[in-house]
Amino acid sequence: MAVDMDDFWVFGYGSLMWNPGFAYEMKTPAKTFGYRRSLCVRSFVHRGTPERPGLVLGLDRGGSCQGMAFKVAAKTSAGVLSYLRERELVTHVYRERVMPVLLPGGQRIAALGYVVDRTHAQYAGGLSPHEAAAIVSVSSGKSGANPEYVSNTLAHLHEMGIRDPWLEDVVALVEQMQGQP
């Protein structure tokens, strides 16, 4: 997929929102339609193992997703694009897409985003909150425990004023499964 080396926008729905790792000119709340945030990617390394995969976020079909849009300046666009591809396309479980995004005030832009590939072996879509919690509660990988990843994600979303009822249900169930209040 070709991206102009002019200014461009990036849509973040998970850790990119609070840890983009690249220089940007501006960030603003944003929303995309037709996709939703979901624990739909099996993690074999960072939050799980091949024997006991964990779950991490993906942008999956259906619904809508509140996130952040980052405006990247033309002078840094090549480096940012290279960084994003290295970060997001390691196992090719995500597909790079230019997607319509709505900014505050009703402005519509096109933003680069990373959508889960439903045909990839790591895709784990369609899980109920209970099924996801059962996986998350027992998984851990080289970047730490899967329950910590999910609860930290939810905490960051709440700090940004974003509610995600499905993820809230998963976290509550993980806490129950681990005997936490």
N, C-alpha and C. Protein backbone atom coordinates (compact mmCIF):
# COMPACT_ATOMS: atom_id res chain seq x y z
N MET A 1 0.84 -1.17 0.00
CA MET A 1 0.00 0.00 0.00
C MET A 1 0.89 1.24 0.00
N ALA A 2 0.57 2.16 -0.84
CA ALA A 2 1.36 3.38 -0.94
C ALA A 2 0.75 4.48 -0.07
N VAL A 3 1.61 5.17 0.63
CA VAL A 3 1.19 6.33 1.41
C VAL A 3 1.99 7.50 0.88
N ASP A 4 1.29 8.59 0.58
CA ASP A 4 1.94 9.81 0.14
C ASP A 4 2.98 10.23 1.15
N MET A 5 4.05 10.81 0.73
CA MET A 5 5.05 11.30 1.67
C MET A 5 4.78 12.75 2.05
N ASP A 6 3.53 13.16 1.94
CA ASP A 6 3.08 14.43 2.47
C ASP A 6 2.69 14.19 3.92
N ASP A 7 2.10 15.22 4.56
CA ASP A 7 1.54 15.01 5.88
C ASP A 7 0.53 13.86 5.79
N PHE A 8 0.44 13.06 6.84
CA PHE A 8 -0.61 12.05 6.87
C PHE A 8 -1.04 11.82 8.31
N TRP A 9 -2.15 11.13 8.46
CA TRP A 9 -2.73 10.85 9.78
C TRP A 9 -2.60 9.37 10.09
N VAL A 10 -2.46 9.05 11.37
CA VAL A 10 -2.41 7.67 11.86
C VAL A 10 -3.52 7.52 12.89
N PHE A 11 -4.29 6.43 12.80
CA PHE A 11 -5.34 6.14 13.78
C PHE A 11 -4.82 5.09 14.75
N GLY A 12 -4.86 5.41 16.05
CA GLY A 12 -4.48 4.47 17.09
C GLY A 12 -5.67 4.08 17.93
N TYR A 13 -5.79 2.81 18.26
CA TYR A 13 -6.93 2.31 19.04
C TYR A 13 -6.48 1.56 20.29
N GLY A 14 -5.20 1.27 20.39
CA GLY A 14 -4.64 0.55 21.54
C GLY A 14 -3.44 1.31 22.05
N SER A 15 -2.34 0.61 22.23
CA SER A 15 -1.15 1.24 22.83
C SER A 15 -0.61 2.41 22.01
N LEU A 16 -0.90 2.46 20.73
CA LEU A 16 -0.48 3.63 19.95
C LEU A 16 -1.07 4.92 20.52
N MET A 17 -2.23 4.83 21.18
CA MET A 17 -2.87 6.04 21.71
C MET A 17 -2.03 6.69 22.80
N TRP A 18 -1.43 5.90 23.69
CA TRP A 18 -0.67 6.47 24.80
C TRP A 18 0.83 6.24 24.67
N ASN A 19 1.23 5.43 23.70
CA ASN A 19 2.65 5.18 23.48
C ASN A 19 2.91 5.09 21.98
N PRO A 20 2.73 6.20 21.26
CA PRO A 20 2.87 6.12 19.80
C PRO A 20 4.29 5.77 19.35
N GLY A 21 5.30 6.29 20.03
CA GLY A 21 6.67 5.96 19.67
C GLY A 21 7.18 6.68 18.44
N PHE A 22 6.46 7.67 17.96
CA PHE A 22 6.89 8.45 16.79
C PHE A 22 6.54 9.92 17.00
N ALA A 23 7.23 10.78 16.24
CA ALA A 23 6.97 12.22 16.33
C ALA A 23 5.70 12.56 15.55
N TYR A 24 4.91 13.44 16.12
CA TYR A 24 3.70 13.90 15.44
C TYR A 24 3.51 15.39 15.71
N GLU A 25 2.77 16.02 14.81
CA GLU A 25 2.50 17.46 14.94
C GLU A 25 1.31 17.74 15.85
N MET A 26 0.38 16.81 15.85
CA MET A 26 -0.88 17.04 16.55
C MET A 26 -1.52 15.69 16.86
N LYS A 27 -2.23 15.62 17.99
CA LYS A 27 -3.04 14.43 18.25
C LYS A 27 -4.40 14.91 18.72
N THR A 28 -5.42 14.14 18.38
CA THR A 28 -6.78 14.51 18.71
C THR A 28 -7.63 13.25 18.84
N PRO A 29 -8.65 13.28 19.70
CA PRO A 29 -9.57 12.14 19.73
C PRO A 29 -10.16 11.92 18.34
N ALA A 30 -10.46 10.68 18.04
CA ALA A 30 -10.96 10.34 16.71
C ALA A 30 -11.84 9.10 16.82
N LYS A 31 -12.65 8.89 15.81
CA LYS A 31 -13.52 7.72 15.79
C LYS A 31 -13.58 7.17 14.37
N THR A 32 -13.53 5.85 14.28
CA THR A 32 -13.71 5.21 12.99
C THR A 32 -14.93 4.30 13.07
N PHE A 33 -15.56 4.11 11.95
CA PHE A 33 -16.78 3.30 11.89
C PHE A 33 -16.54 2.07 11.02
N GLY A 34 -17.21 0.98 11.39
CA GLY A 34 -17.02 -0.27 10.67
C GLY A 34 -15.98 -1.17 11.28
N TYR A 35 -15.31 -0.66 12.32
CA TYR A 35 -14.30 -1.43 13.04
C TYR A 35 -14.49 -1.22 14.54
N ARG A 36 -14.05 -2.21 15.32
CA ARG A 36 -14.13 -2.11 16.77
C ARG A 36 -12.85 -2.66 17.39
N ARG A 37 -12.53 -2.13 18.57
CA ARG A 37 -11.38 -2.62 19.33
C ARG A 37 -11.76 -3.98 19.90
N SER A 38 -10.85 -4.96 19.81
CA SER A 38 -11.17 -6.31 20.27
C SER A 38 -9.91 -7.05 20.68
N LEU A 39 -10.03 -7.88 21.70
CA LEU A 39 -8.94 -8.81 22.06
C LEU A 39 -9.06 -9.99 21.11
N CYS A 40 -8.57 -9.82 19.90
CA CYS A 40 -8.80 -10.83 18.87
C CYS A 40 -7.51 -11.33 18.21
N VAL A 41 -6.37 -11.04 18.84
CA VAL A 41 -5.10 -11.48 18.28
C VAL A 41 -4.39 -12.37 19.30
N ARG A 42 -4.11 -13.61 18.89
CA ARG A 42 -3.35 -14.51 19.77
C ARG A 42 -1.91 -14.03 19.86
N SER A 43 -1.40 -13.93 21.06
CA SER A 43 -0.02 -13.52 21.28
C SER A 43 0.80 -14.73 21.68
N PHE A 44 1.78 -15.08 20.85
CA PHE A 44 2.64 -16.24 21.11
C PHE A 44 3.96 -15.86 21.78
N VAL A 45 4.23 -14.54 21.86
CA VAL A 45 5.51 -14.09 22.39
C VAL A 45 5.32 -13.11 23.54
N HIS A 46 4.75 -11.94 23.25
CA HIS A 46 4.71 -10.86 24.25
C HIS A 46 3.76 -11.11 25.41
N ARG A 47 2.62 -11.69 25.19
CA ARG A 47 1.63 -11.91 26.27
C ARG A 47 1.18 -13.35 26.36
N GLY A 48 1.95 -14.25 25.76
CA GLY A 48 1.63 -15.66 25.79
C GLY A 48 2.79 -16.45 25.21
N THR A 49 2.56 -17.74 25.02
CA THR A 49 3.56 -18.63 24.42
C THR A 49 2.84 -19.46 23.35
N PRO A 50 3.59 -20.15 22.51
CA PRO A 50 2.91 -21.02 21.54
C PRO A 50 2.04 -22.08 22.22
N GLU A 51 2.47 -22.55 23.39
CA GLU A 51 1.69 -23.57 24.12
C GLU A 51 0.47 -22.97 24.82
N ARG A 52 0.59 -21.72 25.24
CA ARG A 52 -0.50 -21.04 25.94
C ARG A 52 -0.58 -19.58 25.46
N PRO A 53 -1.17 -19.38 24.26
CA PRO A 53 -1.24 -18.03 23.72
C PRO A 53 -2.09 -17.10 24.59
N GLY A 54 -1.66 -15.86 24.64
CA GLY A 54 -2.46 -14.81 25.28
C GLY A 54 -3.27 -14.10 24.22
N LEU A 55 -3.88 -12.99 24.60
CA LEU A 55 -4.66 -12.18 23.67
C LEU A 55 -4.22 -10.72 23.75
N VAL A 56 -4.12 -10.09 22.58
CA VAL A 56 -3.84 -8.66 22.51
C VAL A 56 -4.85 -8.01 21.56
N LEU A 57 -4.84 -6.69 21.56
CA LEU A 57 -5.84 -5.95 20.80
C LEU A 57 -5.62 -6.00 19.30
N GLY A 58 -6.73 -6.00 18.60
CA GLY A 58 -6.77 -5.82 17.16
C GLY A 58 -7.95 -4.94 16.83
N LEU A 59 -7.93 -4.36 15.67
CA LEU A 59 -9.07 -3.60 15.16
C LEU A 59 -9.81 -4.54 14.22
N ASP A 60 -11.00 -4.98 14.65
CA ASP A 60 -11.76 -5.99 13.93
C ASP A 60 -13.00 -5.37 13.30
N ARG A 61 -13.61 -6.08 12.38
CA ARG A 61 -14.81 -5.59 11.69
C ARG A 61 -15.98 -5.43 12.64
N GLY A 62 -16.80 -4.42 12.35
CA GLY A 62 -18.05 -4.24 13.05
C GLY A 62 -18.02 -3.12 14.07
N GLY A 63 -19.10 -2.39 14.18
CA GLY A 63 -19.24 -1.37 15.20
C GLY A 63 -18.47 -0.10 14.89
N SER A 64 -17.96 0.51 15.95
CA SER A 64 -17.15 1.72 15.81
C SER A 64 -16.09 1.70 16.90
N CYS A 65 -15.10 2.56 16.76
CA CYS A 65 -14.00 2.57 17.71
C CYS A 65 -13.53 3.99 17.96
N GLN A 66 -13.52 4.37 19.23
CA GLN A 66 -12.94 5.64 19.62
C GLN A 66 -11.45 5.42 19.83
N GLY A 67 -10.66 6.34 19.32
CA GLY A 67 -9.22 6.25 19.47
C GLY A 67 -8.60 7.62 19.38
N MET A 68 -7.38 7.66 18.87
CA MET A 68 -6.63 8.90 18.69
C MET A 68 -6.12 8.97 17.26
N ALA A 69 -6.14 10.17 16.71
CA ALA A 69 -5.54 10.41 15.40
C ALA A 69 -4.31 11.29 15.60
N PHE A 70 -3.24 10.93 14.94
CA PHE A 70 -1.96 11.65 15.02
C PHE A 70 -1.62 12.19 13.64
N LYS A 71 -1.38 13.49 13.57
CA LYS A 71 -0.95 14.10 12.30
C LYS A 71 0.57 14.06 12.24
N VAL A 72 1.08 13.44 11.18
CA VAL A 72 2.51 13.27 10.98
C VAL A 72 2.97 14.24 9.89
N ALA A 73 4.00 14.98 10.18
CA ALA A 73 4.53 15.96 9.23
C ALA A 73 5.25 15.28 8.07
N ALA A 74 5.20 15.91 6.91
CA ALA A 74 5.84 15.38 5.70
C ALA A 74 7.32 15.09 5.94
N LYS A 75 8.01 15.95 6.67
CA LYS A 75 9.46 15.79 6.85
C LYS A 75 9.81 14.54 7.65
N THR A 76 8.87 14.00 8.44
CA THR A 76 9.14 12.78 9.22
C THR A 76 8.34 11.58 8.72
N SER A 77 7.56 11.77 7.65
CA SER A 77 6.63 10.72 7.23
C SER A 77 7.31 9.40 6.85
N ALA A 78 8.43 9.45 6.14
CA ALA A 78 9.10 8.21 5.74
C ALA A 78 9.57 7.44 6.96
N GLY A 79 10.18 8.12 7.92
CA GLY A 79 10.65 7.46 9.13
C GLY A 79 9.52 6.91 9.97
N VAL A 80 8.43 7.66 10.09
CA VAL A 80 7.28 7.21 10.88
C VAL A 80 6.65 5.99 10.23
N LEU A 81 6.49 6.04 8.92
CA LEU A 81 5.91 4.90 8.21
C LEU A 81 6.76 3.65 8.38
N SER A 82 8.05 3.80 8.27
CA SER A 82 8.97 2.68 8.47
C SER A 82 8.83 2.13 9.89
N TYR A 83 8.81 3.02 10.89
CA TYR A 83 8.65 2.61 12.28
C TYR A 83 7.33 1.85 12.48
N LEU A 84 6.23 2.39 11.96
CA LEU A 84 4.93 1.75 12.14
C LEU A 84 4.89 0.36 11.50
N ARG A 85 5.47 0.24 10.34
CA ARG A 85 5.48 -1.06 9.67
C ARG A 85 6.32 -2.07 10.45
N GLU A 86 7.42 -1.62 11.01
CA GLU A 86 8.24 -2.52 11.82
C GLU A 86 7.50 -2.93 13.09
N ARG A 87 6.78 -2.01 13.68
CA ARG A 87 6.05 -2.27 14.93
C ARG A 87 4.82 -3.12 14.71
N GLU A 88 4.05 -2.83 13.68
CA GLU A 88 2.73 -3.44 13.50
C GLU A 88 2.69 -4.64 12.56
N LEU A 89 3.66 -4.78 11.70
CA LEU A 89 3.58 -5.82 10.66
C LEU A 89 4.57 -6.95 10.86
N VAL A 90 5.02 -7.15 12.09
CA VAL A 90 6.03 -8.18 12.38
C VAL A 90 5.58 -9.56 11.91
N THR A 91 4.39 -9.98 12.31
CA THR A 91 3.89 -11.31 11.92
C THR A 91 2.81 -11.22 10.84
N HIS A 92 2.51 -10.03 10.38
CA HIS A 92 1.50 -9.78 9.36
C HIS A 92 0.09 -10.18 9.79
N VAL A 93 -0.17 -10.14 11.10
CA VAL A 93 -1.53 -10.38 11.59
C VAL A 93 -2.39 -9.13 11.37
N TYR A 94 -1.73 -7.99 11.13
CA TYR A 94 -2.46 -6.75 10.83
C TYR A 94 -2.25 -6.40 9.37
N ARG A 95 -3.25 -5.76 8.79
CA ARG A 95 -3.16 -5.23 7.43
C ARG A 95 -3.19 -3.71 7.52
N GLU A 96 -2.30 -3.10 6.80
CA GLU A 96 -2.24 -1.65 6.76
C GLU A 96 -3.38 -1.15 5.86
N ARG A 97 -4.16 -0.21 6.38
CA ARG A 97 -5.30 0.33 5.65
C ARG A 97 -5.35 1.85 5.81
N VAL A 98 -5.87 2.51 4.79
CA VAL A 98 -6.25 3.91 4.93
C VAL A 98 -7.74 3.89 5.18
N MET A 99 -8.16 4.46 6.31
CA MET A 99 -9.55 4.36 6.72
C MET A 99 -10.14 5.73 7.01
N PRO A 100 -11.45 5.87 6.82
CA PRO A 100 -12.09 7.14 7.16
C PRO A 100 -12.19 7.29 8.67
N VAL A 101 -11.87 8.49 9.16
CA VAL A 101 -11.88 8.78 10.58
C VAL A 101 -12.59 10.11 10.80
N LEU A 102 -13.37 10.17 11.85
CA LEU A 102 -14.11 11.38 12.21
C LEU A 102 -13.41 12.06 13.37
N LEU A 103 -13.10 13.35 13.20
CA LEU A 103 -12.46 14.15 14.24
C LEU A 103 -13.51 14.98 14.96
N PRO A 104 -13.18 15.53 16.14
CA PRO A 104 -14.12 16.42 16.82
C PRO A 104 -14.52 17.57 15.90
N GLY A 105 -15.75 17.99 15.99
CA GLY A 105 -16.24 19.06 15.13
C GLY A 105 -16.76 18.57 13.80
N GLY A 106 -16.68 17.25 13.56
CA GLY A 106 -17.25 16.69 12.35
C GLY A 106 -16.31 16.58 11.16
N GLN A 107 -15.04 16.98 11.29
CA GLN A 107 -14.10 16.88 10.18
C GLN A 107 -13.80 15.41 9.90
N ARG A 108 -13.87 15.04 8.62
CA ARG A 108 -13.55 13.68 8.20
C ARG A 108 -12.19 13.68 7.52
N ILE A 109 -11.36 12.72 7.91
CA ILE A 109 -10.03 12.58 7.33
C ILE A 109 -9.79 11.13 6.94
N ALA A 110 -8.75 10.90 6.19
CA ALA A 110 -8.28 9.54 5.91
C ALA A 110 -7.06 9.32 6.79
N ALA A 111 -7.03 8.21 7.50
CA ALA A 111 -5.92 7.91 8.40
C ALA A 111 -5.41 6.50 8.16
N LEU A 112 -4.13 6.34 8.36
CA LEU A 112 -3.50 5.03 8.27
C LEU A 112 -3.83 4.26 9.54
N GLY A 113 -4.29 3.03 9.38
CA GLY A 113 -4.60 2.20 10.54
C GLY A 113 -4.20 0.76 10.28
N TYR A 114 -4.21 -0.02 11.33
CA TYR A 114 -3.81 -1.43 11.24
C TYR A 114 -4.97 -2.28 11.70
N VAL A 115 -5.53 -3.05 10.76
CA VAL A 115 -6.73 -3.86 10.94
C VAL A 115 -6.32 -5.33 10.97
N VAL A 116 -6.92 -6.10 11.86
CA VAL A 116 -6.57 -7.52 11.96
C VAL A 116 -6.95 -8.26 10.67
N ASP A 117 -6.09 -9.18 10.29
CA ASP A 117 -6.33 -10.06 9.15
C ASP A 117 -7.07 -11.28 9.66
N ARG A 118 -8.33 -11.38 9.33
CA ARG A 118 -9.16 -12.47 9.83
C ARG A 118 -8.75 -13.84 9.29
N THR A 119 -7.92 -13.89 8.28
CA THR A 119 -7.47 -15.18 7.74
C THR A 119 -6.15 -15.63 8.36
N HIS A 120 -5.55 -14.81 9.18
CA HIS A 120 -4.25 -15.12 9.79
C HIS A 120 -4.42 -16.14 10.92
N ALA A 121 -3.43 -16.99 11.10
CA ALA A 121 -3.48 -18.02 12.15
C ALA A 121 -3.60 -17.43 13.55
N GLN A 122 -3.16 -16.19 13.76
CA GLN A 122 -3.25 -15.57 15.08
C GLN A 122 -4.61 -14.95 15.37
N TYR A 123 -5.49 -14.91 14.39
CA TYR A 123 -6.81 -14.29 14.60
C TYR A 123 -7.65 -15.14 15.54
N ALA A 124 -8.21 -14.50 16.55
CA ALA A 124 -9.04 -15.19 17.56
C ALA A 124 -10.33 -14.42 17.78
N GLY A 125 -10.96 -13.98 16.72
CA GLY A 125 -12.18 -13.18 16.84
C GLY A 125 -13.38 -13.99 17.25
N GLY A 126 -14.42 -13.28 17.67
CA GLY A 126 -15.69 -13.92 18.01
C GLY A 126 -15.74 -14.51 19.40
N LEU A 127 -14.76 -14.21 20.24
CA LEU A 127 -14.77 -14.74 21.60
C LEU A 127 -15.76 -13.95 22.46
N SER A 128 -16.40 -14.64 23.36
CA SER A 128 -17.24 -13.96 24.35
C SER A 128 -16.31 -13.37 25.40
N PRO A 129 -16.81 -12.42 26.21
CA PRO A 129 -15.97 -11.91 27.30
C PRO A 129 -15.46 -13.03 28.22
N HIS A 130 -16.29 -14.02 28.48
CA HIS A 130 -15.89 -15.13 29.35
C HIS A 130 -14.78 -15.95 28.71
N GLU A 131 -14.90 -16.26 27.42
CA GLU A 131 -13.86 -17.02 26.72
C GLU A 131 -12.54 -16.24 26.70
N ALA A 132 -12.62 -14.94 26.41
CA ALA A 132 -11.41 -14.11 26.39
C ALA A 132 -10.77 -14.05 27.77
N ALA A 133 -11.58 -13.87 28.80
CA ALA A 133 -11.06 -13.79 30.17
C ALA A 133 -10.39 -15.09 30.58
N ALA A 134 -10.94 -16.23 30.18
CA ALA A 134 -10.34 -17.53 30.52
C ALA A 134 -8.94 -17.66 29.90
N ILE A 135 -8.75 -17.12 28.71
CA ILE A 135 -7.43 -17.16 28.06
C ILE A 135 -6.49 -16.17 28.73
N VAL A 136 -6.96 -14.93 28.90
CA VAL A 136 -6.13 -13.86 29.46
C VAL A 136 -5.66 -14.21 30.87
N SER A 137 -6.54 -14.78 31.68
CA SER A 137 -6.24 -14.99 33.10
C SER A 137 -5.07 -15.95 33.35
N VAL A 138 -4.73 -16.79 32.37
CA VAL A 138 -3.67 -17.78 32.58
C VAL A 138 -2.47 -17.60 31.66
N SER A 139 -2.40 -16.48 30.94
CA SER A 139 -1.35 -16.31 29.94
C SER A 139 -0.32 -15.28 30.35
N SER A 140 0.91 -15.53 29.91
CA SER A 140 2.02 -14.63 30.19
C SER A 140 3.09 -14.86 29.13
N GLY A 141 3.81 -13.78 28.78
CA GLY A 141 4.86 -13.90 27.77
C GLY A 141 6.05 -13.03 28.14
N LYS A 142 6.92 -12.80 27.18
CA LYS A 142 8.17 -12.10 27.47
C LYS A 142 7.96 -10.64 27.88
N SER A 143 6.82 -10.04 27.53
CA SER A 143 6.53 -8.66 27.95
C SER A 143 5.69 -8.60 29.21
N GLY A 144 5.37 -9.76 29.79
CA GLY A 144 4.64 -9.77 31.04
C GLY A 144 3.33 -10.54 30.99
N ALA A 145 2.62 -10.42 32.09
CA ALA A 145 1.36 -11.15 32.25
C ALA A 145 0.25 -10.55 31.40
N ASN A 146 -0.54 -11.42 30.78
CA ASN A 146 -1.64 -10.97 29.95
C ASN A 146 -2.70 -10.19 30.74
N PRO A 147 -3.03 -10.62 31.99
CA PRO A 147 -4.00 -9.83 32.75
C PRO A 147 -3.54 -8.39 32.98
N GLU A 148 -2.25 -8.21 33.20
CA GLU A 148 -1.71 -6.86 33.40
C GLU A 148 -1.87 -6.01 32.14
N TYR A 149 -1.59 -6.60 30.98
CA TYR A 149 -1.75 -5.90 29.70
C TYR A 149 -3.19 -5.43 29.53
N VAL A 150 -4.14 -6.32 29.79
CA VAL A 150 -5.54 -5.99 29.56
C VAL A 150 -6.03 -4.94 30.57
N SER A 151 -5.68 -5.09 31.84
CA SER A 151 -6.14 -4.11 32.84
C SER A 151 -5.45 -2.76 32.63
N ASN A 152 -4.18 -2.74 32.23
CA ASN A 152 -3.49 -1.49 31.93
C ASN A 152 -4.12 -0.80 30.72
N THR A 153 -4.47 -1.59 29.72
CA THR A 153 -5.13 -1.04 28.54
C THR A 153 -6.43 -0.36 28.95
N LEU A 154 -7.23 -1.05 29.75
CA LEU A 154 -8.51 -0.48 30.18
C LEU A 154 -8.29 0.79 31.02
N ALA A 155 -7.29 0.78 31.89
CA ALA A 155 -6.99 1.97 32.70
C ALA A 155 -6.62 3.16 31.82
N HIS A 156 -5.79 2.92 30.80
CA HIS A 156 -5.42 4.00 29.88
C HIS A 156 -6.64 4.51 29.12
N LEU A 157 -7.51 3.61 28.69
CA LEU A 157 -8.72 4.04 27.99
C LEU A 157 -9.58 4.92 28.90
N HIS A 158 -9.74 4.51 30.14
CA HIS A 158 -10.53 5.30 31.09
C HIS A 158 -9.89 6.67 31.32
N GLU A 159 -8.56 6.72 31.44
CA GLU A 159 -7.86 8.01 31.60
C GLU A 159 -8.15 8.94 30.43
N MET A 160 -8.37 8.37 29.27
CA MET A 160 -8.62 9.16 28.06
C MET A 160 -10.12 9.43 27.87
N GLY A 161 -10.93 8.97 28.82
CA GLY A 161 -12.37 9.19 28.73
C GLY A 161 -13.07 8.26 27.76
N ILE A 162 -12.46 7.10 27.47
CA ILE A 162 -13.03 6.15 26.52
C ILE A 162 -13.57 4.94 27.28
N ARG A 163 -14.84 4.65 27.06
CA ARG A 163 -15.46 3.46 27.65
C ARG A 163 -15.44 2.34 26.62
N ASP A 164 -15.16 1.14 27.08
CA ASP A 164 -15.18 -0.05 26.23
C ASP A 164 -15.86 -1.14 27.05
N PRO A 165 -17.19 -1.22 26.99
CA PRO A 165 -17.93 -2.17 27.84
C PRO A 165 -17.48 -3.62 27.69
N TRP A 166 -17.15 -4.07 26.47
CA TRP A 166 -16.73 -5.45 26.28
C TRP A 166 -15.42 -5.70 27.03
N LEU A 167 -14.46 -4.80 26.89
CA LEU A 167 -13.18 -4.94 27.58
C LEU A 167 -13.36 -4.82 29.09
N GLU A 168 -14.27 -3.98 29.54
CA GLU A 168 -14.58 -3.86 30.97
C GLU A 168 -15.10 -5.19 31.51
N ASP A 169 -15.96 -5.85 30.72
CA ASP A 169 -16.47 -7.17 31.13
C ASP A 169 -15.33 -8.18 31.23
N VAL A 170 -14.41 -8.16 30.27
CA VAL A 170 -13.28 -9.10 30.29
C VAL A 170 -12.45 -8.87 31.55
N VAL A 171 -12.12 -7.63 31.84
CA VAL A 171 -11.30 -7.33 33.02
C VAL A 171 -12.00 -7.77 34.30
N ALA A 172 -13.29 -7.51 34.42
CA ALA A 172 -14.05 -7.92 35.62
C ALA A 172 -14.02 -9.44 35.77
N LEU A 173 -14.17 -10.16 34.66
CA LEU A 173 -14.15 -11.63 34.71
C LEU A 173 -12.75 -12.16 35.04
N VAL A 174 -11.71 -11.54 34.51
CA VAL A 174 -10.34 -11.95 34.84
C VAL A 174 -10.12 -11.77 36.34
N GLU A 175 -10.55 -10.65 36.88
CA GLU A 175 -10.39 -10.40 38.32
C GLU A 175 -11.14 -11.44 39.14
N GLN A 176 -12.33 -11.83 38.71
CA GLN A 176 -13.08 -12.88 39.40
C GLN A 176 -12.33 -14.20 39.34
N MET A 177 -11.82 -14.53 38.16
CA MET A 177 -11.11 -15.80 37.97
C MET A 177 -9.83 -15.86 38.80
N GLN A 178 -9.25 -14.71 39.06
CA GLN A 178 -8.00 -14.67 39.84
C GLN A 178 -8.27 -14.33 41.30
N GLY A 179 -9.56 -14.30 41.69
CA GLY A 179 -9.91 -14.08 43.09
C GLY A 179 -9.64 -12.66 43.58
N GLN A 180 -9.65 -11.70 42.65
CA GLN A 180 -9.45 -10.30 43.03
C GLN A 180 -10.79 -9.62 43.23
N PRO A 181 -10.83 -8.54 44.01
CA PRO A 181 -12.10 -7.84 44.23
C PRO A 181 -12.61 -7.16 43.00
